[in-house]
């Protein structure tokens, strides 16, 4: 579950509510694709914009349509009490893993983040993946903090952010973190544009927003790495450079929302306000890239 390819789908929603029919279609596509797991209510899944009852229902819909594929549920929230409620609810629902980011409004200190993870680990039995995502949480883990948290009994994986484009620098980063955490804790890369660099540098898996909509492409890359075909994996990633460029321009969630709408998998307005979908020329740019990649 915390190795291989984990796909993170959108949660299509608007001010009128969550489009559960569209969400079920996205989950079923992943269930049929061959991914190793799926991450529900991650950043691409708009977890931070949903109320607790909405998140609980989204999770149950995912489990109902996952076809036996392990489901990892995001449980990050501003208050520890809410994290605990979401964690216990997810565990009761039967998830295979939990994904916890240190969400905050006020800046968090290292000891506060450590106590958060200690508290959750003491309350649940389900394996936990540490969500290290400074671009959204604005919290930066040190390797020392990762090491202390990874020593907790429930911690099974760390979802690390985008690596440097330079292969040597990426490999050094992975090696440094690997040396700081127990061997039982897996490392998963989450920056899609540098996923190949992470996998080739020794990451155990890929937590992918791209795979949430295009699992076949992501599987080709992970399988190439697994087969020792580094050159082939790098070539595939290079082919997808126009897609990675769109992420940098517009943000991955907006690109995935636009792509899902272009594919007819959800409505055009499927992001929570104040987030807005791409318009006019931006949408045409996405269509052109997807068409060039044979995805439309």
C-alpha atoms as a PDB file:
ATOM      1  CA  UNK A   1       0.000   0.000   0.000  1.00  0.00           C
ATOM      2  CA  UNK A   2       2.774   2.443   0.815  1.00  0.00           C
ATOM      3  CA  UNK A   3       4.849   1.266  -2.132  1.00  0.00           C
ATOM      4  CA  UNK A   4       4.325   1.402  -5.877  1.00  0.00           C
ATOM      5  CA  UNK A   5       1.790   3.811  -7.349  1.00  0.00           C
ATOM      6  CA  UNK A   6      -0.842   5.557  -5.242  1.00  0.00           C
ATOM      7  CA  UNK A   7      -3.337   7.596  -7.271  1.00  0.00           C
ATOM      8  CA  UNK A   8      -4.971  10.719  -5.845  1.00  0.00           C
ATOM      9  CA  UNK A   9      -8.239  11.634  -7.582  1.00  0.00           C
ATOM     10  CA  UNK A  10     -10.230  14.847  -7.590  1.00  0.00           C
ATOM     11  CA  UNK A  11     -13.296  15.325  -5.449  1.00  0.00           C
ATOM     12  CA  UNK A  12     -15.550  17.089  -7.986  1.00  0.00           C
ATOM     13  CA  UNK A  13     -17.631  19.722  -6.231  1.00  0.00           C
ATOM     14  CA  UNK A  14     -19.238  23.096  -6.641  1.00  0.00           C
ATOM     15  CA  UNK A  15     -21.191  25.446  -4.406  1.00  0.00           C
ATOM     16  CA  UNK A  16     -24.191  23.191  -5.090  1.00  0.00           C
ATOM     17  CA  UNK A  17     -22.419  20.264  -3.447  1.00  0.00           C
ATOM     18  CA  UNK A  18     -20.229  17.276  -4.193  1.00  0.00           C
ATOM     19  CA  UNK A  19     -20.823  15.451  -7.462  1.00  0.00           C
ATOM     20  CA  UNK A  20     -20.793  11.940  -6.023  1.00  0.00           C
ATOM     21  CA  UNK A  21     -21.681  10.322  -9.335  1.00  0.00           C
ATOM     22  CA  UNK A  22     -18.617  11.860 -10.976  1.00  0.00           C
ATOM     23  CA  UNK A  23     -16.477  10.965  -7.961  1.00  0.00           C
ATOM     24  CA  UNK A  24     -17.600   7.347  -8.130  1.00  0.00           C
ATOM     25  CA  UNK A  25     -16.631   7.217 -11.808  1.00  0.00           C
ATOM     26  CA  UNK A  26     -13.157   8.519 -11.021  1.00  0.00           C
ATOM     27  CA  UNK A  27     -12.681   5.955  -8.246  1.00  0.00           C
ATOM     28  CA  UNK A  28     -13.957   3.103 -10.415  1.00  0.00           C
ATOM     29  CA  UNK A  29     -11.525   4.064 -13.186  1.00  0.00           C
ATOM     30  CA  UNK A  30      -8.702   3.769 -10.672  1.00  0.00           C
ATOM     31  CA  UNK A  31     -10.006   0.468  -9.346  1.00  0.00           C
ATOM     32  CA  UNK A  32      -9.839  -0.939 -12.877  1.00  0.00           C
ATOM     33  CA  UNK A  33      -6.443   0.557 -13.713  1.00  0.00           C
ATOM     34  CA  UNK A  34      -4.046  -1.558 -11.671  1.00  0.00           C
ATOM     35  CA  UNK A  35      -2.771   1.126  -9.269  1.00  0.00           C
ATOM     36  CA  UNK A  36      -1.439  -0.156  -5.966  1.00  0.00           C
ATOM     37  CA  UNK A  37      -3.577   2.157  -3.837  1.00  0.00           C
ATOM     38  CA  UNK A  38      -5.613   5.324  -4.024  1.00  0.00           C
ATOM     39  CA  UNK A  39      -5.342   8.390  -1.835  1.00  0.00           C
ATOM     40  CA  UNK A  40      -8.710   9.952  -1.071  1.00  0.00           C
ATOM     41  CA  UNK A  41      -9.036  13.473   0.300  1.00  0.00           C
ATOM     42  CA  UNK A  42      -5.529  14.592  -0.499  1.00  0.00           C
ATOM     43  CA  UNK A  43      -4.725  18.048  -1.800  1.00  0.00           C
ATOM     44  CA  UNK A  44      -6.082  17.195  -5.256  1.00  0.00           C
ATOM     45  CA  UNK A  45      -9.132  15.854  -3.459  1.00  0.00           C
ATOM     46  CA  UNK A  46      -9.826  19.287  -1.882  1.00  0.00           C
ATOM     47  CA  UNK A  47      -9.885  17.922   1.676  1.00  0.00           C
ATOM     48  CA  UNK A  48      -9.165  21.324   3.194  1.00  0.00           C
ATOM     49  CA  UNK A  49     -12.337  22.767   1.648  1.00  0.00           C
ATOM     50  CA  UNK A  50     -14.743  20.130   2.947  1.00  0.00           C
ATOM     51  CA  UNK A  51     -16.659  19.928   6.215  1.00  0.00           C
ATOM     52  CA  UNK A  52     -16.254  16.809   8.329  1.00  0.00           C
ATOM     53  CA  UNK A  53     -19.607  15.243   7.316  1.00  0.00           C
ATOM     54  CA  UNK A  54     -18.696  15.773   3.654  1.00  0.00           C
ATOM     55  CA  UNK A  55     -15.309  14.168   4.143  1.00  0.00           C
ATOM     56  CA  UNK A  56     -16.839  11.179   5.882  1.00  0.00           C
ATOM     57  CA  UNK A  57     -19.305  10.632   3.058  1.00  0.00           C
ATOM     58  CA  UNK A  58     -16.617  11.040   0.376  1.00  0.00           C
ATOM     59  CA  UNK A  59     -14.551   8.398   2.124  1.00  0.00           C
ATOM     60  CA  UNK A  60     -17.424   5.938   2.274  1.00  0.00           C
ATOM     61  CA  UNK A  61     -18.228   6.501  -1.388  1.00  0.00           C
ATOM     62  CA  UNK A  62     -14.595   5.798  -2.222  1.00  0.00           C
ATOM     63  CA  UNK A  63     -14.569   2.583  -0.218  1.00  0.00           C
ATOM     64  CA  UNK A  64     -17.804   1.481  -1.876  1.00  0.00           C
ATOM     65  CA  UNK A  65     -16.343   1.873  -5.368  1.00  0.00           C
ATOM     66  CA  UNK A  66     -12.653   1.032  -4.809  1.00  0.00           C
ATOM     67  CA  UNK A  67     -13.058  -2.604  -5.800  1.00  0.00           C
ATOM     68  CA  UNK A  68     -10.701  -3.866  -3.128  1.00  0.00           C
ATOM     69  CA  UNK A  69      -7.879  -1.448  -3.971  1.00  0.00           C
ATOM     70  CA  UNK A  70      -6.403  -0.164  -0.683  1.00  0.00           C
ATOM     71  CA  UNK A  71      -7.679   3.297   0.229  1.00  0.00           C
ATOM     72  CA  UNK A  72      -5.563   5.851   2.083  1.00  0.00           C
ATOM     73  CA  UNK A  73      -7.626   8.650   3.644  1.00  0.00           C
ATOM     74  CA  UNK A  74      -6.487  12.212   4.281  1.00  0.00           C
ATOM     75  CA  UNK A  75      -7.267  13.313   7.841  1.00  0.00           C
ATOM     76  CA  UNK A  76      -5.514  16.678   8.110  1.00  0.00           C
ATOM     77  CA  UNK A  77      -7.433  19.463   9.884  1.00  0.00           C
ATOM     78  CA  UNK A  78      -6.770  22.647  11.860  1.00  0.00           C
ATOM     79  CA  UNK A  79      -7.760  21.233  15.245  1.00  0.00           C
ATOM     80  CA  UNK A  80      -6.314  18.059  16.766  1.00  0.00           C
ATOM     81  CA  UNK A  81      -9.798  17.086  17.976  1.00  0.00           C
ATOM     82  CA  UNK A  82     -11.011  17.139  14.356  1.00  0.00           C
ATOM     83  CA  UNK A  83      -8.014  15.127  13.162  1.00  0.00           C
ATOM     84  CA  UNK A  84      -8.805  12.505  15.794  1.00  0.00           C
ATOM     85  CA  UNK A  85     -12.465  12.363  14.834  1.00  0.00           C
ATOM     86  CA  UNK A  86     -11.604  11.954  11.159  1.00  0.00           C
ATOM     87  CA  UNK A  87      -8.933   9.356  11.946  1.00  0.00           C
ATOM     88  CA  UNK A  88     -11.211   7.226  14.087  1.00  0.00           C
ATOM     89  CA  UNK A  89     -14.045   7.494  11.590  1.00  0.00           C
ATOM     90  CA  UNK A  90     -11.743   6.437   8.743  1.00  0.00           C
ATOM     91  CA  UNK A  91     -10.424   3.524  10.774  1.00  0.00           C
ATOM     92  CA  UNK A  92     -13.964   2.396  11.613  1.00  0.00           C
ATOM     93  CA  UNK A  93     -14.883   2.633   7.925  1.00  0.00           C
ATOM     94  CA  UNK A  94     -12.073   0.236   7.050  1.00  0.00           C
ATOM     95  CA  UNK A  95      -9.382   2.302   5.339  1.00  0.00           C
ATOM     96  CA  UNK A  96      -5.990   0.731   4.792  1.00  0.00           C
ATOM     97  CA  UNK A  97      -4.019   3.839   5.716  1.00  0.00           C
ATOM     98  CA  UNK A  98      -4.212   7.416   6.942  1.00  0.00           C
ATOM     99  CA  UNK A  99      -2.526  10.490   5.467  1.00  0.00           C
ATOM    100  CA  UNK A 100      -1.806  13.272   7.930  1.00  0.00           C
ATOM    101  CA  UNK A 101      -0.565  16.761   7.091  1.00  0.00           C
ATOM    102  CA  UNK A 102       0.152  19.343   9.821  1.00  0.00           C
ATOM    103  CA  UNK A 103      -2.504  21.832   8.716  1.00  0.00           C
ATOM    104  CA  UNK A 104      -2.396  25.235  10.398  1.00  0.00           C
ATOM    105  CA  UNK A 105      -3.390  28.868  10.306  1.00  0.00           C
ATOM    106  CA  UNK A 106      -0.885  29.978  12.937  1.00  0.00           C
ATOM    107  CA  UNK A 107       2.624  28.734  12.161  1.00  0.00           C
ATOM    108  CA  UNK A 108       3.385  25.472  13.907  1.00  0.00           C
ATOM    109  CA  UNK A 109       6.503  24.663  15.908  1.00  0.00           C
ATOM    110  CA  UNK A 110       8.339  21.356  15.607  1.00  0.00           C
ATOM    111  CA  UNK A 111       7.230  20.150  19.025  1.00  0.00           C
ATOM    112  CA  UNK A 112       3.591  20.952  18.202  1.00  0.00           C
ATOM    113  CA  UNK A 113       3.732  18.857  15.050  1.00  0.00           C
ATOM    114  CA  UNK A 114       5.419  16.029  16.926  1.00  0.00           C
ATOM    115  CA  UNK A 115       2.707  16.050  19.611  1.00  0.00           C
ATOM    116  CA  UNK A 116       0.043  15.993  16.886  1.00  0.00           C
ATOM    117  CA  UNK A 117       1.462  12.791  15.438  1.00  0.00           C
ATOM    118  CA  UNK A 118       2.018  11.266  18.873  1.00  0.00           C
ATOM    119  CA  UNK A 119      -1.617  11.951  19.757  1.00  0.00           C
ATOM    120  CA  UNK A 120      -2.992  10.399  16.594  1.00  0.00           C
ATOM    121  CA  UNK A 121      -0.678   7.390  16.793  1.00  0.00           C
ATOM    122  CA  UNK A 122      -1.881   6.728  20.328  1.00  0.00           C
ATOM    123  CA  UNK A 123      -5.519   6.789  19.215  1.00  0.00           C
ATOM    124  CA  UNK A 124      -5.507   4.533  16.123  1.00  0.00           C
ATOM    125  CA  UNK A 125      -4.062   1.236  14.923  1.00  0.00           C
ATOM    126  CA  UNK A 126      -4.110   2.087  11.204  1.00  0.00           C
ATOM    127  CA  UNK A 127      -0.762   2.828   9.505  1.00  0.00           C
ATOM    128  CA  UNK A 128      -0.090   6.531   8.957  1.00  0.00           C
ATOM    129  CA  UNK A 129       1.694   8.332   6.142  1.00  0.00           C
ATOM    130  CA  UNK A 130       3.288  11.655   7.072  1.00  0.00           C
ATOM    131  CA  UNK A 131       2.247  14.270   4.522  1.00  0.00           C
ATOM    132  CA  UNK A 132       5.190  16.631   4.042  1.00  0.00           C
ATOM    133  CA  UNK A 133       3.768  19.354   1.790  1.00  0.00           C
ATOM    134  CA  UNK A 134       5.246  22.768   2.607  1.00  0.00           C
ATOM    135  CA  UNK A 135       3.680  24.420  -0.452  1.00  0.00           C
ATOM    136  CA  UNK A 136       0.235  24.086   1.162  1.00  0.00           C
ATOM    137  CA  UNK A 137       0.870  23.741   4.895  1.00  0.00           C
ATOM    138  CA  UNK A 138       3.824  26.178   4.994  1.00  0.00           C
ATOM    139  CA  UNK A 139       5.458  23.890   7.519  1.00  0.00           C
ATOM    140  CA  UNK A 140       8.902  22.484   6.780  1.00  0.00           C
ATOM    141  CA  UNK A 141       9.974  19.232   8.361  1.00  0.00           C
ATOM    142  CA  UNK A 142      13.599  18.846   9.335  1.00  0.00           C
ATOM    143  CA  UNK A 143      15.155  15.421   8.921  1.00  0.00           C
ATOM    144  CA  UNK A 144      15.526  15.294  12.694  1.00  0.00           C
ATOM    145  CA  UNK A 145      11.785  15.833  13.167  1.00  0.00           C
ATOM    146  CA  UNK A 146      11.011  13.254  10.513  1.00  0.00           C
ATOM    147  CA  UNK A 147      13.218  10.848  12.419  1.00  0.00           C
ATOM    148  CA  UNK A 148      11.447  11.412  15.736  1.00  0.00           C
ATOM    149  CA  UNK A 149       7.985  11.066  14.186  1.00  0.00           C
ATOM    150  CA  UNK A 150       8.977   8.056  12.075  1.00  0.00           C
ATOM    151  CA  UNK A 151      10.021   6.245  15.264  1.00  0.00           C
ATOM    152  CA  UNK A 152       6.373   6.193  16.391  1.00  0.00           C
ATOM    153  CA  UNK A 153       4.831   2.726  15.984  1.00  0.00           C
ATOM    154  CA  UNK A 154       2.050   3.662  13.538  1.00  0.00           C
ATOM    155  CA  UNK A 155       4.157   5.640  11.104  1.00  0.00           C
ATOM    156  CA  UNK A 156       4.600   3.639   7.904  1.00  0.00           C
ATOM    157  CA  UNK A 157       5.529   6.152   5.194  1.00  0.00           C
ATOM    158  CA  UNK A 158       6.520   9.731   4.390  1.00  0.00           C
ATOM    159  CA  UNK A 159       5.062  11.534   1.392  1.00  0.00           C
ATOM    160  CA  UNK A 160       7.895  13.840   0.400  1.00  0.00           C
ATOM    161  CA  UNK A 161       7.571  17.005  -1.704  1.00  0.00           C
ATOM    162  CA  UNK A 162       9.006  17.740  -5.121  1.00  0.00           C
ATOM    163  CA  UNK A 163      12.733  17.122  -5.466  1.00  0.00           C
ATOM    164  CA  UNK A 164      15.360  19.137  -7.294  1.00  0.00           C
ATOM    165  CA  UNK A 165      15.601  18.613 -11.039  1.00  0.00           C
ATOM    166  CA  UNK A 166      19.297  17.804 -10.713  1.00  0.00           C
ATOM    167  CA  UNK A 167      19.623  14.002 -10.335  1.00  0.00           C
ATOM    168  CA  UNK A 168      22.560  14.182  -7.936  1.00  0.00           C
ATOM    169  CA  UNK A 169      20.798  16.687  -5.686  1.00  0.00           C
ATOM    170  CA  UNK A 170      17.600  14.634  -5.742  1.00  0.00           C
ATOM    171  CA  UNK A 171      19.484  11.472  -4.847  1.00  0.00           C
ATOM    172  CA  UNK A 172      21.307  13.230  -2.012  1.00  0.00           C
ATOM    173  CA  UNK A 173      18.009  14.488  -0.587  1.00  0.00           C
ATOM    174  CA  UNK A 174      16.457  11.018  -0.600  1.00  0.00           C
ATOM    175  CA  UNK A 175      19.587   9.485   0.910  1.00  0.00           C
ATOM    176  CA  UNK A 176      19.680  12.069   3.688  1.00  0.00           C
ATOM    177  CA  UNK A 177      16.074  11.447   4.680  1.00  0.00           C
ATOM    178  CA  UNK A 178      16.468   7.689   4.349  1.00  0.00           C
ATOM    179  CA  UNK A 179      19.348   7.804   6.828  1.00  0.00           C
ATOM    180  CA  UNK A 180      17.162   9.652   9.363  1.00  0.00           C
ATOM    181  CA  UNK A 181      14.186   7.274   9.528  1.00  0.00           C
ATOM    182  CA  UNK A 182      13.731   3.585  10.374  1.00  0.00           C
ATOM    183  CA  UNK A 183      14.055   1.138   7.500  1.00  0.00           C
ATOM    184  CA  UNK A 184      10.435   0.029   7.916  1.00  0.00           C
ATOM    185  CA  UNK A 185       9.218   3.515   6.911  1.00  0.00           C
ATOM    186  CA  UNK A 186       8.808   3.908   3.161  1.00  0.00           C
ATOM    187  CA  UNK A 187       9.470   7.089   1.218  1.00  0.00           C
ATOM    188  CA  UNK A 188       7.062   8.186  -1.500  1.00  0.00           C
ATOM    189  CA  UNK A 189       7.627  11.042  -3.924  1.00  0.00           C
ATOM    190  CA  UNK A 190       4.678  13.360  -4.542  1.00  0.00           C
ATOM    191  CA  UNK A 191       6.021  15.995  -6.956  1.00  0.00           C
ATOM    192  CA  UNK A 192       4.899  14.508 -10.273  1.00  0.00           C
ATOM    193  CA  UNK A 193       7.394  16.470 -12.348  1.00  0.00           C
ATOM    194  CA  UNK A 194      10.301  14.916 -10.425  1.00  0.00           C
ATOM    195  CA  UNK A 195       8.692  11.560  -9.661  1.00  0.00           C
ATOM    196  CA  UNK A 196      11.135   9.682 -11.878  1.00  0.00           C
ATOM    197  CA  UNK A 197      14.057  11.342 -10.093  1.00  0.00           C
ATOM    198  CA  UNK A 198      12.635  10.241  -6.759  1.00  0.00           C
ATOM    199  CA  UNK A 199      11.979   6.681  -7.860  1.00  0.00           C
ATOM    200  CA  UNK A 200      15.430   6.346  -9.405  1.00  0.00           C
ATOM    201  CA  UNK A 201      16.953   7.814  -6.231  1.00  0.00           C
ATOM    202  CA  UNK A 202      15.392   5.063  -4.143  1.00  0.00           C
ATOM    203  CA  UNK A 203      11.886   6.205  -3.215  1.00  0.00           C
ATOM    204  CA  UNK A 204       9.596   3.228  -2.620  1.00  0.00           C
ATOM    205  CA  UNK A 205       6.580   4.711  -4.324  1.00  0.00           C
ATOM    206  CA  UNK A 206       4.864   7.602  -6.034  1.00  0.00           C
ATOM    207  CA  UNK A 207       1.901   9.484  -4.536  1.00  0.00           C
ATOM    208  CA  UNK A 208       0.502  10.956  -7.731  1.00  0.00           C
ATOM    209  CA  UNK A 209      -2.178  13.485  -8.606  1.00  0.00           C
ATOM    210  CA  UNK A 210      -1.579  12.759 -12.285  1.00  0.00           C
ATOM    211  CA  UNK A 211      -2.380   9.093 -11.681  1.00  0.00           C
ATOM    212  CA  UNK A 212      -5.739  10.126 -10.244  1.00  0.00           C
ATOM    213  CA  UNK A 213      -6.857  10.913 -13.781  1.00  0.00           C
ATOM    214  CA  UNK A 214      -4.245   9.250 -16.008  1.00  0.00           C
ATOM    215  CA  UNK A 215      -3.218   6.091 -14.146  1.00  0.00           C
ATOM    216  CA  UNK A 216      -1.985   4.349 -17.273  1.00  0.00           C
ATOM    217  CA  UNK A 217       0.724   6.931 -17.896  1.00  0.00           C
ATOM    218  CA  UNK A 218       1.908   6.852 -14.301  1.00  0.00           C
ATOM    219  CA  UNK A 219       1.930   3.054 -14.282  1.00  0.00           C
ATOM    220  CA  UNK A 220       4.161   3.012 -17.358  1.00  0.00           C
ATOM    221  CA  UNK A 221       6.697   5.134 -15.499  1.00  0.00           C
ATOM    222  CA  UNK A 222       6.645   3.127 -12.259  1.00  0.00           C
ATOM    223  CA  UNK A 223       6.824  -0.153 -14.151  1.00  0.00           C
ATOM    224  CA  UNK A 224       9.771   1.070 -16.209  1.00  0.00           C
ATOM    225  CA  UNK A 225      11.638   1.985 -13.035  1.00  0.00           C
ATOM    226  CA  UNK A 226      10.712  -1.338 -11.460  1.00  0.00           C
ATOM    227  CA  UNK A 227      12.048  -3.178 -14.501  1.00  0.00           C
ATOM    228  CA  UNK A 228      15.354  -1.334 -14.287  1.00  0.00           C
ATOM    229  CA  UNK A 229      14.624   0.704 -17.407  1.00  0.00           C
ATOM    230  CA  UNK A 230      15.781   4.096 -16.138  1.00  0.00           C
ATOM    231  CA  UNK A 231      16.242   5.431 -19.653  1.00  0.00           C
ATOM    232  CA  UNK A 232      12.706   4.466 -20.613  1.00  0.00           C
ATOM    233  CA  UNK A 233      11.242   5.992 -17.441  1.00  0.00           C
ATOM    234  CA  UNK A 234      13.110   9.250 -18.016  1.00  0.00           C
ATOM    235  CA  UNK A 235      11.937   9.333 -21.630  1.00  0.00           C
ATOM    236  CA  UNK A 236       8.330   8.917 -20.534  1.00  0.00           C
ATOM    237  CA  UNK A 237       8.673  11.702 -17.981  1.00  0.00           C
ATOM    238  CA  UNK A 238      10.304  13.966 -20.563  1.00  0.00           C
ATOM    239  CA  UNK A 239       7.409  13.293 -22.913  1.00  0.00           C
ATOM    240  CA  UNK A 240       5.090  14.566 -20.182  1.00  0.00           C
ATOM    241  CA  UNK A 241       7.073  17.783 -19.688  1.00  0.00           C
ATOM    242  CA  UNK A 242       4.312  19.905 -21.308  1.00  0.00           C
ATOM    243  CA  UNK A 243       1.898  18.568 -18.683  1.00  0.00           C
ATOM    244  CA  UNK A 244       4.321  19.310 -15.842  1.00  0.00           C
ATOM    245  CA  UNK A 245       4.686  22.824 -17.282  1.00  0.00           C
ATOM    246  CA  UNK A 246       0.925  23.326 -17.033  1.00  0.00           C
ATOM    247  CA  UNK A 247       1.083  22.380 -13.344  1.00  0.00           C
ATOM    248  CA  UNK A 248       3.688  25.062 -12.776  1.00  0.00           C
ATOM    249  CA  UNK A 249       1.601  27.662 -14.626  1.00  0.00           C
ATOM    250  CA  UNK A 250      -1.837  26.962 -13.208  1.00  0.00           C
ATOM    251  CA  UNK A 251      -1.472  24.576 -10.278  1.00  0.00           C
ATOM    252  CA  UNK A 252      -1.993  20.836 -10.525  1.00  0.00           C
ATOM    253  CA  UNK A 253      -5.523  20.812  -9.117  1.00  0.00           C
ATOM    254  CA  UNK A 254      -6.755  23.319 -11.703  1.00  0.00           C
ATOM    255  CA  UNK A 255      -5.153  21.368 -14.531  1.00  0.00           C
ATOM    256  CA  UNK A 256      -6.641  18.088 -13.322  1.00  0.00           C
ATOM    257  CA  UNK A 257     -10.068  19.678 -12.912  1.00  0.00           C
ATOM    258  CA  UNK A 258      -9.890  21.096 -16.411  1.00  0.00           C
ATOM    259  CA  UNK A 259      -8.687  17.790 -17.844  1.00  0.00           C
ATOM    260  CA  UNK A 260     -11.454  15.851 -16.095  1.00  0.00           C
ATOM    261  CA  UNK A 261     -14.034  18.229 -17.542  1.00  0.00           C
ATOM    262  CA  UNK A 262     -12.532  17.948 -21.037  1.00  0.00           C
ATOM    263  CA  UNK A 263     -12.759  14.171 -20.738  1.00  0.00           C
ATOM    264  CA  UNK A 264     -16.409  14.423 -19.740  1.00  0.00           C
ATOM    265  CA  UNK A 265     -15.772  12.930 -16.316  1.00  0.00           C
ATOM    266  CA  UNK A 266     -17.133  15.898 -14.352  1.00  0.00           C
ATOM    267  CA  UNK A 267     -18.684  19.312 -14.876  1.00  0.00           C
ATOM    268  CA  UNK A 268     -16.699  22.348 -15.904  1.00  0.00           C
ATOM    269  CA  UNK A 269     -17.061  23.924 -12.458  1.00  0.00           C
ATOM    270  CA  UNK A 270     -15.727  21.215 -10.169  1.00  0.00           C
ATOM    271  CA  UNK A 271     -13.568  23.187  -7.742  1.00  0.00           C
ATOM    272  CA  UNK A 272     -14.555  24.803  -4.428  1.00  0.00           C
ATOM    273  CA  UNK A 273     -14.741  28.587  -4.498  1.00  0.00           C
ATOM    274  CA  UNK A 274     -12.711  30.702  -4.242  1.00  0.00           C
ATOM    275  CA  UNK A 275     -10.748  28.295  -6.476  1.00  0.00           C
ATOM    276  CA  UNK A 276     -11.874  28.695 -10.047  1.00  0.00           C
ATOM    277  CA  UNK A 277     -11.399  26.509 -13.081  1.00  0.00           C
ATOM    278  CA  UNK A 278      -9.355  27.505 -16.090  1.00  0.00           C
ATOM    279  CA  UNK A 279     -11.013  29.647 -18.727  1.00  0.00           C
ATOM    280  CA  UNK A 280     -10.776  30.445 -22.425  1.00  0.00           C
ATOM    281  CA  UNK A 281      -7.164  30.407 -23.583  1.00  0.00           C
ATOM    282  CA  UNK A 282      -5.982  28.551 -20.491  1.00  0.00           C
ATOM    283  CA  UNK A 283      -8.463  25.762 -21.132  1.00  0.00           C
ATOM    284  CA  UNK A 284      -7.388  25.654 -24.775  1.00  0.00           C
ATOM    285  CA  UNK A 285      -3.761  25.297 -23.669  1.00  0.00           C
ATOM    286  CA  UNK A 286      -4.666  22.288 -21.538  1.00  0.00           C
ATOM    287  CA  UNK A 287      -6.657  20.739 -24.373  1.00  0.00           C
ATOM    288  CA  UNK A 288      -3.754  21.243 -26.758  1.00  0.00           C
ATOM    289  CA  UNK A 289      -1.280  19.551 -24.413  1.00  0.00           C
ATOM    290  CA  UNK A 290      -3.594  16.638 -23.683  1.00  0.00           C
ATOM    291  CA  UNK A 291      -4.335  16.247 -27.372  1.00  0.00           C
ATOM    292  CA  UNK A 292      -0.625  16.255 -28.176  1.00  0.00           C
ATOM    293  CA  UNK A 293      -0.105  13.484 -25.615  1.00  0.00           C
ATOM    294  CA  UNK A 294      -2.970  11.442 -27.027  1.00  0.00           C
ATOM    295  CA  UNK A 295      -5.027  11.836 -23.856  1.00  0.00           C
ATOM    296  CA  UNK A 296      -8.074  13.473 -25.464  1.00  0.00           C
END
